Amino acid sequence: MRKKDNKYTKTDRFKEFLAEAEDILNTMGNGLSSLGRCLKAGAMDHAVLNAVFRSAHTLKGMCGLFDFKEMASLSHALEDTLDLLRMGNVSFTQDLFDEVMCAHELMVRIVSASEDESFVSEIEGLKRRLRRSCALKESAAETGSLDKGLKSMLTEYETHRLIENVRAGKNVWSINVSFPMPSFEKGYVSLTGLLGTEAEVIATLPSVRAVPDRLYFDILAGTGRDGDFISDLLRDFSPVEIKLAAGPSAMPPEGAAVTKAAPLAGQPKPAASGLTLRRVGNIVRVNIEKLDGVLNIISELGALNSVIPRIAAELENQSGMTACAAELSRVGKDMERKLNELRDGVLDVRMVPIGALFNRCDTVLSKLSREMGKEVSMETNGDETELDKLIIEELADPLMHIIRNMVDHGIEPPGVRLSLGKPVRGTVTLSAYKKGSHVIVEVKDDGVGISVESIKAKAVEKGILTVEEAERLTRHEALDLIFLPGFSTKDTVTETSGRGVGMDVAKENISRLSGVIDIETVEGKGTRFILTIPVTLSIP
């Protein structure tokens, strides 16, 4: 068989790898932010920890395929650390979490760096710090009381989680469920999602049952709830059988059935083999440059279509061509309508929810608050608001600089907030909503606010204004001074701020998007930055 020409180059594949790596790192960052909150609460969300571990494992495999050795080495070290943590072999300490966050931040930098930039020394140093943070603790897991048949089907990690649930005084239920072959994937995701609200899903095991038109399996779930509660919770997924697999007082090899529903009748039969390569997902990655190319073609077609009315008018003046001119005019109007629909459709494909960017900001906020010794949480509104993908990326830096200044300048230290009668934990709120052909993005804190008089005094001190000029400034004009290059109200320079090179970059980027940025502030109450930006810049 003749081999087809392959125009899909190595460069194209590497670009896809980078895009996939960015998505994985974004997901990992969201999970790490959740783990940071768990650490402060003195608890652990094992589902989130497993998700972060899987992200590191997937990233390691991808890096190996593309011979991305630096990233593969770091992701492998991170995977080993997370594996020790999820197996309960190391303690979840602040030092360990800080090093895991550093590993994530370094991987983000590696993905976005130029090809000739080397990170070998940083990676080796971070790997050494990860190893030092992983102080192994004695394992106290006792598995002798578990049924040998059950133990033989579980991985080491699943056995560990089962033991931990029993040690915590919970029952481990074996839940036998089944789905028709065509709906198995959706049904399983729905069931485990519901079950996860009341229990920890420890393992999914193959069932001994074999029915041609259905797929049976057993789910092990640890919970403090009784069997009747779990049976009622899963009543919409009948048939379901629930048995006690292990418990704090007894671990019988065979548990008594709590509830047993009758099998469903009339289920559709699958294809002859029962197998399929078809995937449920229907999302396709598209390079945004290709969409730009399609928009350019639409624009050119619009220009060509604009000639049709002129030709129709000329034909109408010629004898015997009236009917032809009318038909041509009608076709031209239909063509214009379809071109507008096509343009709107392509623009819609470029739209992505701003929530993905908000999640990245949460990761940055966690890092900054940790470094500055402050307690700050993030709240978001309007995550589903959509913006052009390119605008989303251009917004990333302005939001980062605004959040950095809020944490450093706006949010007070915990002791100060407590003395002022405020909650110890400060709050940064990100909101987005559509207004006509623009989107409003608001960034608000509940900190100390901005002193207009202090800004004027600093401007006079730096020689930017005279005393007389400062006195004539309106409140709005005074607040705008913080966007001047090199202007900072801080007297000392730190790694976070003080150089006066943050807010001017934010305003410049927003202006480049044909947007505007405004400030509202109340001393002692907080500050709000209001960004007004167009939904898209790609209208031909």
Protein backbone atom coordinates (compact mmCIF):
# COMPACT_ATOMS: atom_id res chain seq x y z
CA MET A 1 0.00 0.00 0.00
CA ARG A 2 1.41 3.41 -0.96
CA LYS A 3 2.24 5.61 1.99
CA LYS A 4 0.39 8.93 2.05
CA ASP A 5 2.32 12.20 2.08
CA ASN A 6 2.60 13.40 5.65
CA LYS A 7 2.38 17.18 5.92
CA TYR A 8 1.95 16.98 9.68
CA THR A 9 5.46 18.01 10.70
CA LYS A 10 7.39 17.48 13.92
CA THR A 11 7.03 21.20 14.65
CA ASP A 12 3.24 20.88 14.43
CA ARG A 13 3.29 17.94 16.84
CA PHE A 14 5.52 19.82 19.28
CA LYS A 15 3.15 22.80 19.23
CA GLU A 16 0.32 20.43 20.08
CA PHE A 17 2.44 19.02 22.90
CA LEU A 18 3.01 22.52 24.32
CA ALA A 19 -0.72 23.29 24.13
CA GLU A 20 -1.54 20.00 25.87
CA ALA A 21 1.16 20.60 28.49
CA GLU A 22 -0.27 24.05 29.26
CA ASP A 23 -3.73 22.53 29.79
CA ILE A 24 -2.30 19.84 32.09
CA LEU A 25 -0.33 22.41 34.09
CA ASN A 26 -3.43 24.61 34.42
CA THR A 27 -5.40 21.65 35.75
CA MET A 28 -2.53 20.75 38.08
CA GLY A 29 -2.36 24.33 39.35
CA ASN A 30 -6.07 24.32 40.20
CA GLY A 31 -5.61 21.06 42.10
CA LEU A 32 -2.60 22.40 44.00
CA SER A 33 -4.59 25.47 45.02
CA SER A 34 -7.22 23.14 46.47
CA LEU A 35 -4.53 21.13 48.28
CA GLY A 36 -3.19 24.36 49.76
CA ARG A 37 -6.60 25.06 51.23
CA CYS A 38 -6.73 21.47 52.53
CA LEU A 39 -3.37 21.97 54.25
CA LYS A 40 -4.63 25.09 56.03
CA ALA A 41 -7.77 23.19 57.09
CA GLY A 42 -5.68 20.27 58.38
CA ALA A 43 -7.35 17.78 56.04
CA MET A 44 -6.65 16.05 52.75
CA ASP A 45 -8.85 15.66 49.68
CA HIS A 46 -7.53 12.40 48.22
CA ALA A 47 -9.54 12.80 45.01
CA VAL A 48 -7.77 16.10 44.31
CA LEU A 49 -4.38 14.63 45.27
CA ASN A 50 -4.94 11.75 42.87
CA ALA A 51 -5.91 14.17 40.09
CA VAL A 52 -2.69 16.15 40.62
CA PHE A 53 -0.69 12.91 40.64
CA ARG A 54 -2.30 11.79 37.37
CA SER A 55 -1.48 15.16 35.80
CA ALA A 56 2.19 14.75 36.75
CA HIS A 57 2.19 11.17 35.45
CA THR A 58 0.59 12.17 32.13
CA LEU A 59 3.02 15.06 31.71
CA LYS A 60 5.98 12.78 32.38
CA GLY A 61 4.83 10.36 29.68
CA MET A 62 4.28 13.14 27.13
CA CYS A 63 7.71 14.63 27.83
CA GLY A 64 9.29 11.21 27.30
CA LEU A 65 7.60 10.82 23.92
CA PHE A 66 8.92 14.18 22.74
CA ASP A 67 12.37 13.71 24.30
CA PHE A 68 11.80 16.81 26.44
CA LYS A 69 14.38 15.63 28.97
CA GLU A 70 14.43 18.59 31.36
CA MET A 71 10.68 18.60 31.85
CA ALA A 72 10.54 14.79 31.98
CA SER A 73 13.12 14.71 34.78
CA LEU A 74 11.26 17.29 36.85
CA SER A 75 7.79 15.82 36.28
CA HIS A 76 9.18 12.37 37.23
CA ALA A 77 10.52 13.74 40.53
CA LEU A 78 7.21 15.48 41.20
CA GLU A 79 5.29 12.29 40.40
CA ASP A 80 7.45 10.30 42.87
CA THR A 81 6.85 12.91 45.58
CA LEU A 82 3.08 12.93 45.02
CA ASP A 83 3.03 9.13 45.01
CA LEU A 84 4.74 9.01 48.41
CA LEU A 85 2.21 11.55 49.68
CA ARG A 86 -0.86 9.73 48.42
CA MET A 87 0.46 6.41 49.78
CA GLY A 88 0.77 8.00 53.22
CA ASN A 89 4.53 7.43 53.31
CA VAL A 90 5.36 11.12 53.85
CA SER A 91 3.65 13.80 55.93
CA PHE A 92 1.74 16.59 54.20
CA THR A 93 3.72 19.55 55.53
CA GLN A 94 3.97 23.18 54.50
CA ASP A 95 7.60 22.68 53.42
CA LEU A 96 6.65 19.79 51.15
CA PHE A 97 3.73 21.71 49.68
CA ASP A 98 5.96 24.75 49.02
CA GLU A 99 8.44 22.61 47.06
CA VAL A 100 5.64 20.96 45.07
CA MET A 101 4.33 24.43 44.18
CA CYS A 102 7.86 25.48 43.15
CA ALA A 103 8.06 22.44 40.87
CA HIS A 104 4.77 23.39 39.22
CA GLU A 105 5.86 27.01 38.76
CA LEU A 106 9.17 25.91 37.22
CA MET A 107 7.38 23.62 34.77
CA VAL A 108 5.14 26.51 33.71
CA ARG A 109 8.26 28.59 33.04
CA ILE A 110 9.91 25.77 31.07
CA VAL A 111 6.89 25.36 28.78
CA SER A 112 6.77 29.08 27.99
CA ALA A 113 10.54 29.57 27.68
CA SER A 114 12.58 29.88 24.48
CA GLU A 115 14.29 26.79 23.06
CA ASP A 116 17.83 27.85 23.99
CA GLU A 117 17.04 28.54 27.67
CA SER A 118 18.39 25.93 30.09
CA PHE A 119 16.91 25.01 33.45
CA VAL A 120 19.20 22.10 34.36
CA SER A 121 20.70 23.66 37.50
CA GLU A 122 17.30 24.84 38.80
CA ILE A 123 15.77 21.42 38.18
CA GLU A 124 18.55 19.57 39.97
CA GLY A 125 18.34 21.93 42.94
CA LEU A 126 14.57 21.55 43.14
CA LYS A 127 14.81 17.75 42.91
CA ARG A 128 17.22 17.77 45.88
CA ARG A 129 14.82 19.96 47.88
CA LEU A 130 11.91 17.64 47.05
CA ARG A 131 13.88 14.67 48.35
CA ARG A 132 14.76 16.52 51.57
CA SER A 133 11.09 17.43 52.11
CA CYS A 134 9.99 13.80 51.78
CA ALA A 135 10.75 12.62 55.30
CA LEU A 136 9.45 9.03 55.27
CA LYS A 137 7.23 8.01 58.15
CA GLU A 138 6.57 4.56 59.51
CA SER A 139 3.75 2.70 57.85
CA ALA A 140 1.25 1.31 60.32
CA ALA A 141 -1.02 -0.33 57.77
CA GLU A 142 -2.27 -3.73 58.84
CA THR A 143 -3.80 -5.79 56.07
CA GLY A 144 -3.99 -9.20 57.74
CA SER A 145 -7.66 -8.81 58.67
CA LEU A 146 -8.73 -8.11 55.10
CA ASP A 147 -10.16 -10.81 52.89
CA LYS A 148 -7.32 -12.29 50.80
CA GLY A 149 -9.46 -12.40 47.69
CA LEU A 150 -10.19 -8.69 48.02
CA LYS A 151 -6.53 -7.81 48.69
CA SER A 152 -5.40 -9.70 45.60
CA MET A 153 -7.52 -7.44 43.37
CA LEU A 154 -6.38 -4.12 44.85
CA THR A 155 -3.29 -2.10 44.04
CA GLU A 156 -0.99 -1.01 46.83
CA TYR A 157 -2.54 2.44 46.83
CA GLU A 158 -6.12 1.14 46.85
CA THR A 159 -5.25 -1.16 49.79
CA HIS A 160 -3.76 1.82 51.61
CA ARG A 161 -6.89 3.92 51.10
CA LEU A 162 -9.13 1.04 52.20
CA ILE A 163 -7.10 0.64 55.41
CA GLU A 164 -7.20 4.40 56.06
CA ASN A 165 -10.98 4.44 55.70
CA VAL A 166 -11.37 1.52 58.11
CA ARG A 167 -8.93 3.13 60.56
CA ALA A 168 -11.05 6.30 60.42
CA GLY A 169 -14.08 4.30 61.57
CA LYS A 170 -15.80 4.13 58.20
CA ASN A 171 -17.45 1.22 56.42
CA VAL A 172 -16.19 0.16 53.01
CA TRP A 173 -19.10 -0.88 50.80
CA SER A 174 -18.87 -3.02 47.69
CA ILE A 175 -21.42 -1.61 45.23
CA ASN A 176 -22.27 -3.80 42.25
CA VAL A 177 -23.76 -1.86 39.31
CA SER A 178 -24.18 -2.36 35.60
CA PHE A 179 -24.83 -0.32 32.48
CA PRO A 180 -25.66 -1.11 28.88
CA MET A 181 -22.50 -1.05 26.75
CA PRO A 182 -23.38 2.12 24.76
CA SER A 183 -24.05 4.22 27.89
CA PHE A 184 -21.37 2.77 30.20
CA GLU A 185 -18.93 5.72 30.18
CA LYS A 186 -21.52 8.43 30.82
CA GLY A 187 -23.32 6.31 33.39
CA TYR A 188 -20.14 5.49 35.29
CA VAL A 189 -19.02 9.13 35.45
CA SER A 190 -22.46 10.20 36.66
CA LEU A 191 -22.65 7.48 39.31
CA THR A 192 -19.15 8.02 40.75
CA GLY A 193 -19.71 11.78 40.75
CA LEU A 194 -22.85 11.34 42.86
CA LEU A 195 -21.23 8.72 45.08
CA GLY A 196 -18.22 10.98 45.62
CA THR A 197 -20.41 13.54 47.39
CA GLU A 198 -20.91 11.12 50.30
CA ALA A 199 -18.01 8.66 50.05
CA GLU A 200 -14.45 8.14 48.86
CA VAL A 201 -14.37 5.99 45.73
CA ILE A 202 -11.48 3.64 46.50
CA ALA A 203 -11.46 1.27 43.54
CA THR A 204 -13.43 -0.04 40.58
CA LEU A 205 -13.16 -3.79 40.11
CA PRO A 206 -14.35 -6.19 37.39
CA SER A 207 -17.43 -8.18 38.31
CA VAL A 208 -17.76 -11.95 38.02
CA ARG A 209 -21.08 -11.50 36.25
CA ALA A 210 -21.19 -11.82 32.48
CA VAL A 211 -24.29 -10.65 30.59
CA PRO A 212 -24.02 -10.06 26.80
CA ASP A 213 -25.79 -6.71 26.68
CA ARG A 214 -24.51 -5.20 29.96
CA LEU A 215 -21.22 -4.37 31.65
CA TYR A 216 -21.05 -5.21 35.38
CA PHE A 217 -18.46 -3.92 37.85
CA ASP A 218 -17.95 -3.41 41.60
CA ILE A 219 -17.12 -0.08 43.22
CA LEU A 220 -15.45 0.03 46.64
CA ALA A 221 -16.46 3.16 48.54
CA GLY A 222 -15.54 4.25 52.06
CA THR A 223 -18.11 6.29 53.99
CA GLY A 224 -19.61 6.86 57.41
CA ARG A 225 -23.07 6.39 55.87
CA ASP A 226 -25.00 3.13 56.25
CA GLY A 227 -26.03 0.81 53.47
CA ASP A 228 -29.63 2.03 53.35
CA PHE A 229 -28.45 5.60 52.78
CA ILE A 230 -26.11 4.60 49.94
CA SER A 231 -28.83 2.43 48.41
CA ASP A 232 -31.26 5.37 48.43
CA LEU A 233 -28.56 7.71 47.08
CA LEU A 234 -28.06 5.45 44.05
CA ARG A 235 -31.72 4.57 43.51
CA ASP A 236 -31.70 6.07 39.99
CA PHE A 237 -28.94 3.66 38.92
CA SER A 238 -30.89 0.45 39.50
CA PRO A 239 -30.04 -2.43 39.50
CA VAL A 240 -27.62 -1.97 42.42
CA GLU A 241 -26.36 -4.45 45.06
CA ILE A 242 -24.51 -3.24 48.16
CA LYS A 243 -22.43 -5.44 50.47
CA LEU A 244 -20.11 -4.66 53.35
CA ALA A 245 -16.52 -5.32 52.21
CA ALA A 246 -14.73 -4.06 55.35
CA GLY A 247 -15.57 -2.13 58.47
CA PRO A 248 -14.09 -0.90 61.72
CA SER A 249 -15.62 -3.72 63.75
CA ALA A 250 -15.64 -6.55 61.22
CA MET A 251 -14.27 -7.30 57.80
CA PRO A 252 -16.25 -10.30 56.59
CA PRO A 253 -15.08 -11.98 53.40
CA GLU A 254 -18.66 -12.14 52.36
CA GLY A 255 -21.09 -9.41 53.37
CA ALA A 256 -24.80 -9.66 53.59
CA ALA A 257 -26.63 -7.90 50.79
CA VAL A 258 -28.24 -4.68 51.95
CA THR A 259 -30.45 -4.09 48.97
CA LYS A 260 -31.01 -5.80 45.71
CA ALA A 261 -33.03 -4.34 42.86
CA ALA A 262 -34.53 -6.33 40.05
CA PRO A 263 -32.64 -6.25 36.74
CA LEU A 264 -33.91 -3.87 34.10
CA ALA A 265 -35.73 -5.26 31.11
CA GLY A 266 -35.80 -4.17 27.52
CA GLN A 267 -32.20 -2.94 27.29
CA PRO A 268 -30.90 -2.52 23.71
CA LYS A 269 -28.36 -5.09 22.52
CA PRO A 270 -24.94 -3.90 21.35
CA ALA A 271 -23.21 -4.63 18.09
CA ALA A 272 -21.96 -8.18 17.44
CA SER A 273 -18.52 -7.75 19.03
CA GLY A 274 -19.61 -5.36 21.79
CA LEU A 275 -16.46 -3.27 21.15
CA THR A 276 -16.09 0.17 19.63
CA LEU A 277 -13.38 2.71 18.91
CA ARG A 278 -15.84 5.58 19.08
CA ARG A 279 -15.14 8.23 21.71
CA VAL A 280 -17.73 10.16 23.68
CA GLY A 281 -15.76 13.44 23.58
CA ASN A 282 -16.51 15.81 20.70
CA ILE A 283 -13.94 18.59 21.28
CA VAL A 284 -11.33 19.35 18.61
CA ARG A 285 -8.24 21.51 19.17
CA VAL A 286 -7.88 24.20 16.51
CA ASN A 287 -4.84 26.40 16.00
CA ILE A 288 -6.12 29.97 16.27
CA GLU A 289 -3.98 30.96 13.25
CA LYS A 290 -6.19 28.69 11.13
CA LEU A 291 -9.26 30.54 12.37
CA ASP A 292 -7.58 33.85 11.46
CA GLY A 293 -7.05 32.46 7.97
CA VAL A 294 -10.73 31.53 7.66
CA LEU A 295 -11.75 35.02 8.83
CA ASN A 296 -9.50 36.58 6.21
CA ILE A 297 -11.13 34.46 3.51
CA ILE A 298 -14.58 35.48 4.77
CA SER A 299 -13.52 39.13 4.57
CA GLU A 300 -12.33 38.66 0.97
CA LEU A 301 -15.57 36.91 0.05
CA GLY A 302 -17.50 39.82 1.55
CA ALA A 303 -15.56 42.24 -0.66
CA LEU A 304 -16.32 40.12 -3.75
CA ASN A 305 -19.98 39.83 -2.79
CA SER A 306 -20.27 43.64 -2.57
CA VAL A 307 -19.81 43.76 -6.37
CA ILE A 308 -23.03 41.80 -6.98
CA PRO A 309 -25.46 44.71 -6.28
CA ARG A 310 -23.59 46.91 -8.78
CA ILE A 311 -23.75 44.23 -11.50
CA ALA A 312 -27.46 43.67 -10.75
CA ALA A 313 -28.14 47.41 -11.10
CA GLU A 314 -26.36 47.52 -14.48
CA LEU A 315 -28.30 44.50 -15.76
CA GLU A 316 -31.60 46.04 -14.67
CA ASN A 317 -31.02 48.96 -17.04
CA GLN A 318 -30.53 46.62 -20.00
CA SER A 319 -33.48 45.52 -22.08
CA GLY A 320 -34.75 42.02 -21.22
CA MET A 321 -32.44 41.57 -18.23
CA THR A 322 -34.80 42.71 -15.48
CA ALA A 323 -35.64 39.22 -14.26
CA CYS A 324 -31.98 38.19 -14.30
CA ALA A 325 -31.04 41.34 -12.35
CA ALA A 326 -33.71 40.63 -9.71
CA GLU A 327 -32.50 37.03 -9.29
CA LEU A 328 -28.88 38.16 -9.02
CA SER A 329 -29.82 40.76 -6.39
CA ARG A 330 -31.66 38.11 -4.37
CA VAL A 331 -28.68 35.75 -4.50
CA GLY A 332 -26.38 38.58 -3.41
CA LYS A 333 -28.50 39.29 -0.33
CA ASP A 334 -28.63 35.58 0.57
CA MET A 335 -24.86 35.36 0.14
CA GLU A 336 -24.32 38.35 2.42
CA ARG A 337 -26.54 36.82 5.10
CA LYS A 338 -24.71 33.48 4.96
CA LEU A 339 -21.31 35.16 5.08
CA ASN A 340 -22.39 37.03 8.21
CA GLU A 341 -23.55 33.77 9.78
CA LEU A 342 -20.26 32.10 8.85
CA ARG A 343 -18.23 34.97 10.31
CA ASP A 344 -20.25 34.89 13.55
CA GLY A 345 -19.76 31.11 13.75
CA VAL A 346 -15.98 31.35 13.37
CA LEU A 347 -15.82 34.14 15.95
CA ASP A 348 -17.87 32.00 18.33
CA VAL A 349 -15.34 29.15 17.96
CA ARG A 350 -12.61 31.52 19.18
CA MET A 351 -14.52 32.27 22.38
CA VAL A 352 -13.40 30.61 25.62
CA PRO A 353 -14.74 31.02 29.19
CA ILE A 354 -12.76 33.45 31.32
CA GLY A 355 -12.99 30.98 34.20
CA ALA A 356 -9.86 29.22 32.93
CA LEU A 357 -7.91 32.46 33.38
CA PHE A 358 -9.45 33.02 36.82
CA ASN A 359 -8.19 29.57 37.84
CA ARG A 360 -4.66 30.52 36.83
CA CYS A 361 -4.96 33.68 38.91
CA ASP A 362 -5.90 31.54 41.92
CA THR A 363 -2.60 29.69 41.58
CA VAL A 364 -0.67 32.99 41.47
CA LEU A 365 -2.62 34.32 44.45
CA SER A 366 -1.79 31.22 46.52
CA LYS A 367 1.91 31.64 45.75
CA LEU A 368 1.98 35.36 46.54
CA SER A 369 0.04 35.08 49.80
CA ARG A 370 2.33 32.26 50.92
CA GLU A 371 5.47 34.26 50.16
CA MET A 372 4.19 37.39 51.94
CA GLY A 373 2.87 35.60 55.00
CA LYS A 374 -0.70 36.74 54.39
CA GLU A 375 -3.94 34.78 54.28
CA VAL A 376 -5.85 35.56 51.09
CA SER A 377 -8.60 33.63 49.34
CA MET A 378 -10.16 34.17 45.92
CA GLU A 379 -13.80 34.37 44.94
CA THR A 380 -15.00 34.44 41.33
CA ASN A 381 -18.21 35.42 39.56
CA GLY A 382 -19.14 35.06 35.90
CA ASP A 383 -16.62 32.31 35.13
CA GLU A 384 -18.72 31.30 32.13
CA THR A 385 -18.36 34.75 30.47
CA GLU A 386 -16.69 34.23 27.08
CA LEU A 387 -13.91 36.22 25.45
CA ASP A 388 -11.71 35.79 22.39
CA LYS A 389 -8.87 33.36 23.15
CA LEU A 390 -6.23 35.96 22.21
CA ILE A 391 -7.79 38.57 24.49
CA ILE A 392 -7.84 36.05 27.34
CA GLU A 393 -4.08 35.57 26.96
CA GLU A 394 -3.45 39.33 26.72
CA LEU A 395 -5.42 39.78 29.96
CA ALA A 396 -3.23 37.34 31.89
CA ASP A 397 -0.38 39.76 32.66
CA PRO A 398 -2.57 42.75 33.63
CA LEU A 399 -4.56 40.58 36.06
CA MET A 400 -1.35 39.17 37.51
CA HIS A 401 0.09 42.65 38.14
CA ILE A 402 -3.17 43.90 39.67
CA ILE A 403 -3.43 40.87 41.99
CA ARG A 404 0.22 41.19 42.97
CA ASN A 405 -0.30 44.83 43.98
CA MET A 406 -3.47 43.99 45.88
CA VAL A 407 -1.76 41.29 47.93
CA ASP A 408 1.33 43.43 48.60
CA HIS A 409 -0.20 46.92 49.01
CA GLY A 410 -3.89 46.31 49.72
CA ILE A 411 -4.42 43.23 51.91
CA GLU A 412 -3.28 43.81 55.48
CA PRO A 413 -1.27 41.23 57.51
CA PRO A 414 -3.47 38.90 59.62
CA GLY A 415 -2.67 40.68 62.89
CA VAL A 416 -3.56 44.10 61.46
CA ARG A 417 -6.83 42.83 59.97
CA LEU A 418 -7.77 41.28 63.30
CA SER A 419 -7.13 44.56 65.13
CA LEU A 420 -9.32 46.38 62.59
CA GLY A 421 -12.20 43.98 63.16
CA LYS A 422 -11.79 42.39 59.73
CA PRO A 423 -11.65 38.66 59.00
CA VAL A 424 -8.08 37.35 59.29
CA ARG A 425 -8.28 36.06 55.74
CA GLY A 426 -8.44 38.74 53.05
CA THR A 427 -10.46 38.25 49.88
CA VAL A 428 -9.72 39.07 46.26
CA THR A 429 -12.81 38.84 44.05
CA LEU A 430 -12.68 38.41 40.27
CA SER A 431 -15.89 39.09 38.35
CA ALA A 432 -16.78 39.20 34.66
CA TYR A 433 -19.97 40.09 32.82
CA LYS A 434 -20.93 41.13 29.32
CA LYS A 435 -22.11 44.65 28.53
CA GLY A 436 -23.02 45.19 24.89
CA SER A 437 -20.03 44.39 22.67
CA HIS A 438 -17.68 44.63 25.66
CA VAL A 439 -16.87 42.53 28.72
CA ILE A 440 -16.35 44.10 32.13
CA VAL A 441 -13.73 42.42 34.31
CA GLU A 442 -13.57 43.59 37.92
CA VAL A 443 -10.81 42.84 40.41
CA LYS A 444 -11.71 43.80 43.99
CA ASP A 445 -10.05 43.43 47.39
CA ASP A 446 -11.22 44.11 50.94
CA GLY A 447 -7.94 45.67 52.04
CA VAL A 448 -6.69 49.02 53.15
CA GLY A 449 -7.72 50.96 50.05
CA ILE A 450 -5.69 53.68 48.29
CA SER A 451 -4.94 57.04 49.89
CA VAL A 452 -5.24 59.76 47.25
CA GLU A 453 -3.25 62.18 49.41
CA SER A 454 -0.43 59.66 49.77
CA ILE A 455 -0.27 59.30 45.98
CA LYS A 456 -0.05 63.06 45.53
CA ALA A 457 2.66 63.32 48.18
CA LYS A 458 4.71 60.54 46.57
CA ALA A 459 4.37 62.21 43.13
CA VAL A 460 5.70 65.48 44.59
CA GLU A 461 8.51 63.61 46.38
CA LYS A 462 9.59 61.93 43.14
CA GLY A 463 9.51 65.24 41.24
CA ILE A 464 6.69 64.15 38.95
CA LEU A 465 4.50 67.06 40.04
CA THR A 466 4.91 70.33 41.88
CA VAL A 467 2.90 70.94 45.05
CA GLU A 468 0.60 73.32 43.16
CA GLU A 469 0.00 70.81 40.34
CA ALA A 470 -0.75 68.07 42.86
CA GLU A 471 -3.34 70.23 44.63
CA ARG A 472 -5.17 70.91 41.36
CA LEU A 473 -5.52 67.19 40.53
CA THR A 474 -8.97 65.64 40.70
CA ARG A 475 -9.44 62.36 42.56
CA HIS A 476 -9.59 60.43 39.28
CA GLU A 477 -6.43 62.12 37.95
CA ALA A 478 -4.56 61.37 41.18
CA LEU A 479 -5.47 57.68 41.05
CA ASP A 480 -4.27 57.52 37.45
CA LEU A 481 -0.75 58.39 38.67
CA ILE A 482 -0.23 54.78 39.80
CA PHE A 483 -0.13 53.80 36.11
CA LEU A 484 2.93 55.98 35.42
CA PRO A 485 6.14 54.04 34.58
CA GLY A 486 8.42 53.87 37.60
CA PHE A 487 5.80 55.17 40.04
CA SER A 488 5.43 53.23 43.30
CA THR A 489 4.18 54.19 46.73
CA LYS A 490 6.65 51.77 48.30
CA ASP A 491 9.95 53.05 49.65
CA THR A 492 11.70 49.67 49.50
CA VAL A 493 12.06 47.32 46.54
CA THR A 494 11.17 43.65 47.05
CA GLU A 495 10.90 40.66 44.73
CA THR A 496 7.19 41.34 44.49
CA SER A 497 6.87 45.09 44.03
CA GLY A 498 8.38 48.51 44.56
CA ARG A 499 9.93 49.02 41.14
CA GLY A 500 6.92 50.73 39.59
CA VAL A 501 6.91 48.45 36.56
CA GLY A 502 3.64 46.58 37.15
CA MET A 503 0.64 48.82 36.83
CA ASP A 504 2.00 50.71 33.83
CA VAL A 505 2.34 47.36 32.02
CA ALA A 506 -1.23 46.50 32.99
CA LYS A 507 -2.60 49.74 31.54
CA GLU A 508 -0.48 49.44 28.39
CA ASN A 509 -1.75 45.92 27.72
CA ILE A 510 -5.37 46.94 28.29
CA SER A 511 -4.96 49.93 25.97
CA ARG A 512 -3.49 47.67 23.30
CA LEU A 513 -6.74 45.70 23.47
CA SER A 514 -8.71 48.94 22.87
CA GLY A 515 -9.88 48.75 26.47
CA VAL A 516 -9.86 51.06 29.47
CA ILE A 517 -9.06 50.56 33.15
CA ASP A 518 -10.67 52.50 35.99
CA ILE A 519 -10.17 52.53 39.77
CA GLU A 520 -12.65 52.85 42.62
CA THR A 521 -11.34 52.87 46.19
CA VAL A 522 -12.47 53.58 49.74
CA GLU A 523 -9.80 53.95 52.41
CA GLY A 524 -10.05 51.15 54.96
CA LYS A 525 -12.58 49.23 52.84
CA GLY A 526 -10.76 48.15 49.69
CA THR A 527 -10.11 48.85 46.03
CA ARG A 528 -11.76 47.81 42.78
CA PHE A 529 -10.12 47.83 39.33
CA ILE A 530 -12.63 47.87 36.45
CA LEU A 531 -11.38 46.65 33.07
CA THR A 532 -13.62 47.32 30.05
CA ILE A 533 -12.49 45.35 27.00
CA PRO A 534 -14.02 44.32 23.65
CA VAL A 535 -15.29 40.75 23.30
CA THR A 536 -13.08 40.23 20.24
CA LEU A 537 -10.66 42.14 18.04
CA SER A 538 -11.04 39.80 15.07
CA ILE A 539 -14.01 41.35 13.28
CA PRO A 540 -13.18 41.65 9.54
